[in-house]
N, C-alpha and C. Protein backbone atom coordinates (compact mmCIF):
# COMPACT_ATOMS: atom_id res chain seq x y z
N UNK A 1 28.05 -5.02 0.97
CA UNK A 1 26.91 -5.77 1.31
C UNK A 1 27.70 -6.93 2.48
N UNK A 2 26.79 -7.29 3.56
CA UNK A 2 27.05 -7.98 4.52
C UNK A 2 26.48 -9.47 3.99
N UNK A 3 27.31 -10.34 4.07
CA UNK A 3 27.33 -11.86 3.33
C UNK A 3 26.91 -12.28 4.96
N UNK A 4 25.79 -13.22 4.40
CA UNK A 4 24.38 -14.02 5.00
C UNK A 4 25.16 -15.38 5.37
N UNK A 5 25.68 -15.68 6.45
CA UNK A 5 26.38 -16.66 6.90
C UNK A 5 25.32 -17.91 6.68
N UNK A 6 24.63 -17.92 6.98
CA UNK A 6 23.45 -19.41 7.61
C UNK A 6 22.01 -18.54 7.59
N UNK A 7 20.96 -19.61 7.19
CA UNK A 7 19.75 -19.43 6.70
C UNK A 7 19.04 -17.82 7.75
N UNK A 8 19.52 -18.69 9.33
CA UNK A 8 19.01 -17.27 10.34
C UNK A 8 19.15 -15.90 10.20
N UNK A 9 20.41 -15.82 9.40
CA UNK A 9 20.80 -14.30 8.59
C UNK A 9 20.03 -13.86 7.78
N UNK A 10 19.66 -14.67 6.59
CA UNK A 10 18.50 -14.44 5.43
C UNK A 10 17.79 -14.45 5.67
N UNK A 11 16.95 -14.77 7.09
CA UNK A 11 15.65 -14.53 7.68
C UNK A 11 15.83 -13.23 8.65
N UNK A 12 16.67 -12.87 9.02
CA UNK A 12 16.53 -11.75 9.69
C UNK A 12 16.65 -10.34 8.67
N UNK A 13 17.45 -10.75 7.61
CA UNK A 13 17.62 -9.40 6.60
C UNK A 13 16.36 -9.27 5.97
N UNK A 14 15.44 -10.61 5.61
CA UNK A 14 13.92 -10.38 5.16
C UNK A 14 13.30 -10.03 6.21
N UNK A 15 13.33 -10.03 7.40
CA UNK A 15 12.36 -9.40 8.61
C UNK A 15 12.73 -8.09 8.59
N UNK A 16 13.99 -7.62 8.43
CA UNK A 16 14.28 -5.87 8.56
C UNK A 16 13.83 -5.61 7.36
N UNK A 17 13.61 -6.21 6.30
CA UNK A 17 12.63 -5.31 5.20
C UNK A 17 11.44 -5.40 5.13
N UNK A 18 10.62 -5.94 5.95
CA UNK A 18 9.39 -6.15 5.93
C UNK A 18 8.96 -5.02 6.71
N UNK A 19 7.74 -4.42 6.14
CA UNK A 19 7.22 -3.48 7.23
C UNK A 19 6.26 -3.71 8.29
N UNK A 20 5.45 -5.26 8.17
CA UNK A 20 5.19 -5.73 9.65
C UNK A 20 4.96 -7.47 8.53
N UNK A 21 4.36 -8.23 9.51
CA UNK A 21 3.80 -9.41 9.34
C UNK A 21 2.75 -9.49 8.45
N UNK A 22 1.90 -8.59 8.15
CA UNK A 22 0.66 -8.57 7.29
C UNK A 22 0.70 -9.61 6.29
N UNK A 23 -0.27 -10.90 6.58
CA UNK A 23 -0.14 -11.56 5.12
C UNK A 23 0.51 -12.66 5.43
N UNK A 24 1.71 -12.69 6.36
CA UNK A 24 2.44 -14.12 6.22
C UNK A 24 1.72 -14.85 6.94
N UNK A 25 2.33 -16.26 6.23
CA UNK A 25 1.59 -17.49 6.87
C UNK A 25 2.44 -18.10 8.53
N UNK A 26 1.70 -18.61 9.03
CA UNK A 26 2.20 -19.40 10.66
C UNK A 26 3.91 -19.69 10.24
N UNK A 27 3.86 -20.40 9.19
CA UNK A 27 5.02 -21.22 9.09
C UNK A 27 6.03 -19.65 8.71
N UNK A 28 5.98 -19.12 7.88
CA UNK A 28 6.82 -17.89 7.91
C UNK A 28 6.98 -16.98 9.52
N UNK A 29 6.01 -16.63 10.03
CA UNK A 29 6.08 -15.75 11.18
C UNK A 29 6.66 -16.70 12.20
N UNK A 30 6.85 -18.23 12.17
CA UNK A 30 7.51 -18.87 13.47
C UNK A 30 8.80 -18.88 13.43
N UNK A 31 9.49 -18.74 11.62
CA UNK A 31 10.96 -18.24 10.99
C UNK A 31 11.25 -16.98 11.88
N UNK A 32 10.32 -15.88 11.53
CA UNK A 32 10.77 -14.34 12.23
C UNK A 32 10.85 -14.40 13.46
N UNK A 33 9.96 -14.96 14.42
CA UNK A 33 9.92 -14.88 15.74
C UNK A 33 11.12 -15.75 16.25
N UNK A 34 11.62 -16.66 15.49
CA UNK A 34 12.89 -16.88 16.40
C UNK A 34 14.11 -16.30 15.93
N UNK A 35 14.29 -15.10 15.31
CA UNK A 35 15.48 -14.30 15.04
C UNK A 35 15.79 -13.76 16.25
N UNK A 36 16.44 -13.15 16.64
CA UNK A 36 16.74 -12.01 17.45
C UNK A 36 16.47 -10.66 16.83
N UNK A 37 15.84 -9.78 17.86
CA UNK A 37 15.51 -8.77 17.16
C UNK A 37 16.53 -7.91 17.20
N UNK A 38 17.11 -6.80 16.38
CA UNK A 38 17.76 -6.34 15.47
C UNK A 38 18.97 -6.95 15.21
N UNK A 39 18.59 -8.18 14.78
CA UNK A 39 19.85 -8.86 14.30
C UNK A 39 20.48 -8.04 12.94
N UNK A 40 19.78 -7.41 12.31
CA UNK A 40 20.17 -6.86 10.95
C UNK A 40 20.08 -5.32 11.31
N UNK A 41 21.20 -4.27 11.02
CA UNK A 41 21.20 -3.43 11.23
C UNK A 41 20.36 -2.44 9.98
N UNK A 42 19.77 -1.19 10.45
CA UNK A 42 18.96 -0.66 9.45
C UNK A 42 19.83 -0.39 8.33
N UNK A 43 21.65 -0.06 8.50
CA UNK A 43 22.40 0.26 7.37
C UNK A 43 22.13 -0.75 6.32
N UNK A 44 22.36 -1.88 6.76
CA UNK A 44 22.41 -3.19 6.37
C UNK A 44 21.29 -3.27 5.34
N UNK A 45 20.31 -3.21 6.00
CA UNK A 45 19.03 -3.64 5.11
C UNK A 45 18.72 -2.53 4.21
N UNK A 46 19.31 -1.49 4.60
CA UNK A 46 18.95 -0.16 3.35
C UNK A 46 20.05 -1.14 2.06
N UNK A 47 21.18 -1.15 2.70
CA UNK A 47 21.79 -2.05 1.20
C UNK A 47 21.51 -3.08 0.21
N UNK A 48 20.52 -3.54 1.59
CA UNK A 48 19.81 -5.01 0.52
C UNK A 48 18.80 -4.07 -0.24
N UNK A 49 18.02 -3.22 0.32
CA UNK A 49 16.98 -2.50 -0.10
C UNK A 49 17.21 -1.78 -1.57
N UNK A 50 18.30 -0.83 -1.65
CA UNK A 50 19.02 -0.85 -2.77
C UNK A 50 19.39 -1.55 -3.63
N UNK A 51 20.02 -2.65 -3.40
CA UNK A 51 20.45 -3.70 -4.29
C UNK A 51 18.88 -4.31 -4.77
N UNK A 52 18.00 -4.72 -4.31
CA UNK A 52 16.66 -5.19 -4.41
C UNK A 52 15.86 -4.24 -5.78
N UNK A 53 16.13 -2.82 -5.46
CA UNK A 53 15.34 -1.70 -6.11
C UNK A 53 15.76 -1.88 -7.66
N UNK A 54 17.29 -2.23 -7.45
CA UNK A 54 18.18 -1.49 -8.83
C UNK A 54 18.26 -3.09 -9.43
N UNK A 55 17.06 -4.23 -9.05
CA UNK A 55 16.84 -5.19 -9.99
C UNK A 55 18.17 -6.67 -10.00
N UNK A 56 18.32 -6.14 -8.18
CA UNK A 56 19.41 -7.29 -8.19
C UNK A 56 18.61 -8.46 -7.63
N UNK A 57 19.18 -9.63 -7.06
CA UNK A 57 18.02 -10.68 -6.15
C UNK A 57 19.25 -11.08 -4.92
N UNK A 58 19.70 -10.18 -4.16
CA UNK A 58 20.84 -10.61 -2.74
C UNK A 58 20.54 -11.61 -1.81
N UNK A 59 19.20 -11.88 -1.70
CA UNK A 59 18.65 -12.27 -1.26
C UNK A 59 18.25 -13.77 -1.65
N UNK A 60 18.10 -13.92 -2.81
CA UNK A 60 17.59 -14.85 -3.61
C UNK A 60 19.27 -15.76 -3.84
N UNK A 61 20.10 -14.89 -3.96
CA UNK A 61 21.28 -15.80 -4.60
C UNK A 61 22.02 -16.16 -3.22
N UNK A 62 21.70 -15.57 -1.93
CA UNK A 62 22.43 -15.82 -0.64
C UNK A 62 21.74 -17.17 -0.39
N UNK A 63 20.43 -17.30 -0.40
CA UNK A 63 19.66 -18.65 -0.23
C UNK A 63 20.03 -19.76 -1.36
N UNK A 64 20.62 -19.21 -2.48
CA UNK A 64 20.85 -20.60 -3.24
C UNK A 64 22.26 -20.83 -2.92
N UNK A 65 23.02 -20.11 -2.33
CA UNK A 65 24.41 -20.24 -1.56
C UNK A 65 24.32 -21.41 -0.50
N UNK A 66 23.17 -20.79 0.47
CA UNK A 66 23.34 -21.26 1.76
C UNK A 66 22.55 -22.85 1.89
N UNK A 67 21.48 -22.64 0.86
CA UNK A 67 20.56 -24.14 1.15
C UNK A 67 21.31 -25.33 0.01
N UNK A 68 21.84 -26.18 0.49
CA UNK A 68 22.61 -27.33 -0.70
C UNK A 68 21.32 -27.29 -1.71
N UNK A 69 22.18 -27.58 -3.01
CA UNK A 69 21.47 -28.09 -4.32
C UNK A 69 20.44 -29.10 -4.20
N UNK A 70 20.98 -30.26 -3.77
CA UNK A 70 20.38 -31.53 -3.36
C UNK A 70 19.01 -30.94 -2.99
N UNK A 71 19.13 -30.54 -1.57
CA UNK A 71 17.91 -29.76 -0.87
C UNK A 71 16.89 -29.13 -1.87
N UNK A 72 17.53 -28.45 -2.28
CA UNK A 72 16.73 -27.15 -2.89
C UNK A 72 15.93 -28.26 -4.14
N UNK A 73 16.60 -29.07 -5.15
CA UNK A 73 16.01 -29.46 -6.24
C UNK A 73 15.19 -30.66 -5.37
N UNK A 74 15.12 -31.37 -4.42
CA UNK A 74 14.49 -31.90 -3.69
C UNK A 74 12.91 -31.14 -3.33
N UNK A 75 13.08 -29.85 -3.39
CA UNK A 75 11.95 -29.18 -2.67
C UNK A 75 11.50 -28.54 -4.18
N UNK A 76 12.15 -28.60 -4.90
CA UNK A 76 11.45 -28.06 -6.50
C UNK A 76 11.77 -27.05 -6.40
N UNK A 77 13.44 -26.41 -5.95
CA UNK A 77 13.74 -24.82 -6.23
C UNK A 77 14.71 -24.34 -7.17
N UNK A 78 13.83 -24.02 -8.08
CA UNK A 78 14.91 -23.96 -9.47
C UNK A 78 14.95 -22.04 -9.29
N UNK A 79 16.11 -21.85 -9.33
CA UNK A 79 16.10 -19.99 -9.65
C UNK A 79 16.60 -19.73 -11.07
N UNK A 80 15.33 -19.75 -11.33
CA UNK A 80 15.63 -19.16 -13.22
C UNK A 80 16.65 -18.03 -13.50
N UNK A 81 17.72 -18.15 -14.16
CA UNK A 81 18.31 -17.38 -14.56
C UNK A 81 18.19 -15.86 -15.22
N UNK A 82 18.83 -14.73 -14.96
CA UNK A 82 17.95 -13.29 -15.10
C UNK A 82 18.19 -13.45 -16.72
N UNK A 83 19.09 -13.83 -17.66
CA UNK A 83 18.77 -14.33 -18.86
C UNK A 83 17.33 -14.75 -19.51
N UNK A 84 16.99 -16.10 -18.76
CA UNK A 84 16.17 -16.53 -19.28
C UNK A 84 14.71 -15.63 -18.99
N UNK A 85 14.65 -15.10 -17.60
CA UNK A 85 13.63 -14.34 -17.02
C UNK A 85 13.62 -13.13 -18.06
N UNK A 86 14.53 -12.62 -18.63
CA UNK A 86 14.53 -11.45 -19.49
C UNK A 86 13.98 -12.07 -20.99
N UNK A 87 14.45 -12.81 -21.35
CA UNK A 87 14.05 -13.53 -22.44
C UNK A 87 12.65 -14.05 -22.77
N UNK A 88 11.73 -14.21 -21.98
CA UNK A 88 10.64 -14.88 -21.33
C UNK A 88 9.80 -13.74 -21.59
N UNK A 89 10.16 -12.70 -20.90
CA UNK A 89 9.41 -11.30 -20.49
C UNK A 89 9.15 -10.94 -22.06
N UNK A 90 10.13 -10.38 -22.87
CA UNK A 90 10.24 -9.69 -23.92
C UNK A 90 9.61 -10.76 -25.06
N UNK A 91 9.57 -12.28 -24.98
CA UNK A 91 8.65 -12.74 -26.06
C UNK A 91 7.43 -12.68 -25.47
N UNK A 92 6.62 -12.38 -24.15
CA UNK A 92 5.94 -12.48 -23.89
C UNK A 92 5.05 -10.90 -24.42
N UNK A 93 6.04 -9.95 -24.12
CA UNK A 93 5.38 -8.53 -24.79
C UNK A 93 5.29 -8.71 -26.59
N UNK A 94 6.05 -9.27 -27.26
CA UNK A 94 5.62 -9.60 -28.53
C UNK A 94 4.23 -10.22 -28.96
N UNK A 95 3.45 -11.28 -27.97
CA UNK A 95 2.68 -12.16 -27.99
C UNK A 95 1.57 -11.76 -27.26
N UNK A 96 1.44 -10.54 -26.40
CA UNK A 96 -0.15 -10.52 -25.67
C UNK A 96 0.57 -9.79 -24.36
N UNK A 97 -0.28 -8.58 -23.85
CA UNK A 97 -0.03 -8.32 -22.57
C UNK A 97 -0.94 -9.17 -21.49
N UNK A 98 -0.74 -9.40 -20.95
CA UNK A 98 -1.26 -10.17 -19.80
C UNK A 98 -1.95 -9.20 -18.76
N UNK A 99 -2.94 -9.71 -18.61
CA UNK A 99 -4.11 -8.99 -17.14
C UNK A 99 -3.41 -9.58 -16.04
N UNK A 100 -2.83 -10.72 -15.89
CA UNK A 100 -2.47 -11.25 -14.97
C UNK A 100 -1.36 -12.45 -15.02
N UNK A 101 -0.38 -12.05 -14.47
CA UNK A 101 0.97 -13.18 -14.51
C UNK A 101 1.14 -14.21 -13.52
N UNK A 102 0.97 -15.19 -13.33
CA UNK A 102 1.18 -16.45 -12.30
C UNK A 102 2.60 -16.82 -12.09
N UNK A 103 3.30 -16.88 -11.27
CA UNK A 103 4.56 -17.86 -11.17
C UNK A 103 4.73 -18.85 -10.17
N UNK A 104 4.15 -19.83 -10.66
CA UNK A 104 4.33 -21.19 -9.41
C UNK A 104 5.70 -21.39 -9.15
N UNK A 105 5.87 -21.42 -7.85
CA UNK A 105 7.18 -21.74 -7.99
C UNK A 105 8.22 -20.61 -7.53
N UNK A 106 7.37 -19.42 -7.29
CA UNK A 106 8.12 -18.29 -7.24
C UNK A 106 9.58 -17.90 -6.90
N UNK A 107 9.96 -18.82 -5.91
CA UNK A 107 11.39 -18.57 -4.93
C UNK A 107 11.14 -17.17 -4.76
N UNK A 108 12.41 -16.49 -5.25
CA UNK A 108 12.55 -14.86 -4.32
C UNK A 108 12.08 -13.89 -5.01
N UNK A 109 11.08 -14.29 -6.31
CA UNK A 109 10.26 -13.50 -7.10
C UNK A 109 10.85 -12.73 -8.31
N UNK A 110 11.73 -13.66 -8.57
CA UNK A 110 12.43 -12.65 -10.13
C UNK A 110 11.57 -12.23 -11.04
N UNK A 111 11.39 -13.87 -11.33
CA UNK A 111 10.28 -13.46 -12.46
C UNK A 111 8.89 -12.49 -12.29
N UNK A 112 8.34 -12.91 -11.34
CA UNK A 112 7.17 -12.34 -10.90
C UNK A 112 7.21 -10.79 -10.44
N UNK A 113 8.49 -10.25 -10.19
CA UNK A 113 8.86 -9.05 -10.28
C UNK A 113 9.04 -8.36 -11.26
N UNK A 114 9.66 -8.73 -11.86
CA UNK A 114 10.21 -7.98 -13.15
C UNK A 114 9.44 -8.22 -14.15
N UNK A 115 8.23 -9.17 -14.27
CA UNK A 115 6.80 -9.29 -14.93
C UNK A 115 5.93 -8.08 -14.18
N UNK A 116 6.05 -7.44 -13.20
CA UNK A 116 5.39 -6.45 -12.30
C UNK A 116 6.06 -5.12 -13.18
N UNK A 117 7.20 -5.10 -13.58
CA UNK A 117 8.09 -4.07 -14.07
C UNK A 117 7.25 -3.99 -15.59
N UNK A 118 7.70 -5.02 -16.47
CA UNK A 118 7.19 -5.17 -17.84
C UNK A 118 5.78 -4.71 -17.70
N UNK A 119 4.95 -5.29 -16.99
CA UNK A 119 3.35 -5.48 -17.45
C UNK A 119 2.68 -4.50 -15.86
N UNK A 120 2.63 -3.26 -15.77
CA UNK A 120 2.46 -2.28 -14.60
C UNK A 120 0.79 -2.49 -14.45
N UNK A 121 0.15 -3.13 -15.25
CA UNK A 121 -1.35 -3.26 -14.65
C UNK A 121 -1.80 -4.55 -14.43
N UNK A 122 -0.63 -5.62 -14.62
CA UNK A 122 -1.32 -6.60 -14.83
C UNK A 122 -1.43 -7.48 -13.29
N UNK A 123 -2.38 -8.24 -12.94
CA UNK A 123 -2.27 -8.86 -11.45
C UNK A 123 -1.33 -9.50 -11.13
N UNK A 124 -0.57 -9.75 -10.34
CA UNK A 124 0.72 -10.55 -10.11
C UNK A 124 0.46 -11.53 -8.90
N UNK A 125 0.42 -12.77 -9.25
CA UNK A 125 0.43 -14.29 -8.20
C UNK A 125 1.64 -14.94 -8.15
N UNK A 126 1.94 -14.87 -6.93
CA UNK A 126 3.27 -15.82 -6.62
C UNK A 126 3.11 -16.78 -5.77
N UNK A 127 3.39 -18.23 -5.84
CA UNK A 127 2.95 -19.59 -5.44
C UNK A 127 3.97 -20.05 -5.20
N UNK A 128 4.41 -20.11 -3.85
CA UNK A 128 5.73 -20.71 -2.88
C UNK A 128 5.47 -21.54 -1.95
N UNK A 129 6.10 -22.57 -2.05
CA UNK A 129 5.81 -23.28 -0.71
C UNK A 129 6.63 -23.65 0.23
N UNK A 130 8.02 -23.08 -0.13
CA UNK A 130 8.96 -22.73 0.91
C UNK A 130 8.23 -21.34 1.85
N UNK A 131 8.55 -21.90 3.30
CA UNK A 131 7.96 -20.18 3.67
C UNK A 131 9.38 -19.90 3.97
N UNK A 132 10.85 -20.14 3.64
CA UNK A 132 11.90 -19.31 3.48
C UNK A 132 11.71 -18.33 2.29
N UNK A 133 11.81 -19.05 1.44
CA UNK A 133 11.78 -18.53 0.10
C UNK A 133 10.52 -17.44 0.13
N UNK A 134 9.17 -17.91 0.89
CA UNK A 134 8.22 -16.96 0.72
C UNK A 134 8.66 -15.76 1.18
N UNK A 135 9.25 -15.72 2.34
CA UNK A 135 9.86 -14.42 3.15
C UNK A 135 10.81 -13.80 2.14
N UNK A 136 11.62 -14.10 1.47
CA UNK A 136 12.43 -13.77 0.48
C UNK A 136 11.83 -12.98 -0.18
N UNK A 137 10.72 -13.63 -1.07
CA UNK A 137 9.68 -13.07 -1.81
C UNK A 137 9.17 -11.75 -1.11
N UNK A 138 8.70 -12.03 -0.21
CA UNK A 138 7.95 -10.90 0.46
C UNK A 138 8.79 -9.59 0.63
N UNK A 139 9.96 -9.81 0.92
CA UNK A 139 11.06 -8.98 1.32
C UNK A 139 11.26 -7.76 0.05
N UNK A 140 11.60 -9.09 -1.20
CA UNK A 140 11.56 -8.42 -2.55
C UNK A 140 10.90 -7.31 -2.95
N UNK A 141 9.26 -7.97 -2.99
CA UNK A 141 8.23 -7.58 -3.34
C UNK A 141 8.07 -6.13 -2.49
N UNK A 142 8.64 -6.16 -1.32
CA UNK A 142 8.25 -4.73 -0.09
C UNK A 142 9.49 -3.50 -1.01
N UNK A 143 10.57 -4.49 -0.91
CA UNK A 143 11.99 -3.60 -1.22
C UNK A 143 11.58 -2.76 -3.03
N UNK A 144 10.67 -3.89 -3.76
CA UNK A 144 10.47 -2.90 -5.29
C UNK A 144 9.18 -2.14 -4.96
N UNK A 145 8.57 -2.11 -4.10
CA UNK A 145 7.17 -1.50 -4.13
C UNK A 145 6.20 -2.21 -4.57
N UNK A 146 6.38 -3.42 -4.90
CA UNK A 146 5.07 -4.19 -5.17
C UNK A 146 4.39 -4.80 -4.36
N UNK A 147 4.58 -4.85 -3.23
CA UNK A 147 4.08 -5.69 -2.11
C UNK A 147 2.59 -5.63 -1.99
N UNK A 148 1.99 -4.54 -2.33
CA UNK A 148 0.32 -4.18 -2.66
C UNK A 148 -0.29 -4.68 -3.56
N UNK A 149 0.19 -4.68 -4.64
CA UNK A 149 0.19 -5.63 -6.04
C UNK A 149 0.11 -7.00 -6.24
N UNK A 150 1.28 -7.80 -5.11
CA UNK A 150 1.24 -9.16 -5.38
C UNK A 150 0.84 -9.79 -4.30
N UNK A 151 -0.08 -10.75 -5.01
CA UNK A 151 -0.92 -11.70 -4.02
C UNK A 151 -0.02 -13.25 -4.22
N UNK A 152 0.69 -13.30 -3.04
CA UNK A 152 1.80 -14.47 -2.40
C UNK A 152 1.26 -15.69 -2.07
N UNK A 153 0.72 -16.48 -2.62
CA UNK A 153 0.24 -18.37 -1.96
C UNK A 153 0.68 -18.90 -1.68
N UNK A 154 1.05 -19.43 -0.32
CA UNK A 154 2.20 -20.21 -0.05
C UNK A 154 1.50 -21.42 0.01
N UNK A 155 1.92 -22.43 -0.88
CA UNK A 155 1.14 -23.81 -1.22
C UNK A 155 1.85 -24.35 -2.45
N UNK A 156 1.97 -25.52 -2.36
CA UNK A 156 2.46 -26.69 -3.65
C UNK A 156 1.66 -25.72 -4.86
N UNK A 157 2.11 -25.27 -6.08
CA UNK A 157 1.55 -24.77 -6.96
C UNK A 157 0.41 -25.82 -7.64
N UNK A 158 1.14 -27.15 -7.35
CA UNK A 158 0.49 -28.41 -8.34
C UNK A 158 -1.08 -28.56 -7.47
N UNK A 159 -1.76 -27.84 -6.25
CA UNK A 159 -2.72 -27.94 -5.76
C UNK A 159 -3.46 -26.82 -5.50
N UNK A 160 -3.29 -25.65 -6.24
CA UNK A 160 -3.86 -24.21 -6.09
C UNK A 160 -4.49 -24.34 -7.27
N UNK A 161 -5.84 -23.70 -7.29
CA UNK A 161 -6.93 -23.79 -8.09
C UNK A 161 -7.14 -22.28 -7.98
N UNK A 162 -6.78 -21.33 -9.51
CA UNK A 162 -6.94 -19.78 -9.19
C UNK A 162 -8.04 -19.43 -9.80
N UNK A 163 -9.02 -18.11 -9.49
CA UNK A 163 -9.97 -18.05 -10.36
C UNK A 163 -9.93 -17.65 -11.61
N UNK A 164 -10.87 -18.02 -12.67
CA UNK A 164 -10.68 -17.39 -14.00
C UNK A 164 -10.66 -15.88 -13.97
N UNK A 165 -10.46 -15.33 -15.20
CA UNK A 165 -10.44 -13.61 -15.34
C UNK A 165 -10.63 -13.67 -16.77
N UNK A 166 -11.26 -12.26 -16.86
CA UNK A 166 -11.51 -12.06 -18.15
C UNK A 166 -10.21 -11.34 -18.60
N UNK A 167 -9.69 -12.17 -19.82
CA UNK A 167 -8.18 -11.89 -20.22
C UNK A 167 -7.68 -12.85 -20.60
N UNK A 168 -6.04 -12.13 -20.45
CA UNK A 168 -5.15 -13.17 -20.43
C UNK A 168 -4.41 -13.21 -19.55
N UNK A 169 -4.03 -14.70 -19.15
CA UNK A 169 -3.11 -14.73 -17.83
C UNK A 169 -1.88 -15.75 -18.77
N UNK A 170 -0.89 -15.31 -18.05
CA UNK A 170 0.73 -15.57 -18.48
C UNK A 170 1.49 -16.50 -17.28
N UNK A 171 1.95 -17.71 -17.65
CA UNK A 171 2.20 -18.24 -16.83
C UNK A 171 4.10 -18.08 -16.75
N UNK A 172 4.73 -18.47 -15.59
CA UNK A 172 6.33 -18.61 -15.69
C UNK A 172 6.29 -20.25 -15.95
N UNK A 173 6.55 -20.95 -16.80
CA UNK A 173 6.59 -22.19 -16.96
C UNK A 173 7.84 -22.48 -16.72
N UNK A 174 8.63 -21.80 -16.38
CA UNK A 174 10.40 -22.29 -16.50
C UNK A 174 10.20 -23.29 -15.02
N UNK A 175 9.53 -22.97 -14.37
CA UNK A 175 9.82 -23.65 -12.76
C UNK A 175 9.53 -24.95 -13.81
N UNK A 176 8.13 -25.41 -14.04
CA UNK A 176 7.67 -26.57 -14.04
C UNK A 176 8.36 -27.50 -15.41
N UNK A 177 8.80 -26.95 -16.26
CA UNK A 177 9.82 -27.19 -17.34
C UNK A 177 11.02 -27.81 -16.82
N UNK A 178 11.81 -27.41 -15.91
CA UNK A 178 12.77 -27.65 -15.24
C UNK A 178 12.82 -28.97 -14.24
N UNK A 179 11.40 -29.06 -13.50
CA UNK A 179 11.19 -29.88 -12.96
C UNK A 179 10.32 -31.25 -13.83
N UNK A 180 10.22 -30.68 -15.08
CA UNK A 180 9.69 -32.23 -15.76
C UNK A 180 8.23 -32.04 -15.31
N UNK A 181 7.60 -31.05 -15.16
CA UNK A 181 5.92 -31.58 -14.89
C UNK A 181 4.95 -30.51 -15.83
């Protein structure tokens, strides 16, 4: 798999995985527009797509390596480890089958996309304020086939108000717990 050496490489990989830019925010669009056309070869993007479809997070892992920990922490970026994601979802399946799953501070989408596999009928909502992370999330959602099912809100989760629904809403609270909120 191609090693992503800079955030521009990561953005290029995300752009290569996106079918189009429908739904992206102006900030995300500016990031993509700054990347040279064909910065990632189609064979490379297929390698990323294959890894993502098989439950891996190469783009999120690259982001965690490329952006320094103090910068990520200041922005509230805490990438939930896979064992914790799995544990939360196994617990949730014993407690309730949610009609909606919300991931505040969604990052690359590890939790929300795994929740989509666990709960195929649930509405999926991801909230992420970093436009680079939002692009990674969109690329991962597209590669897993969940792009049409996932609503991505690019904003600070602390100011987002979601409409009430009939049924159960489950939240990934790990981000909030790690941040002390």
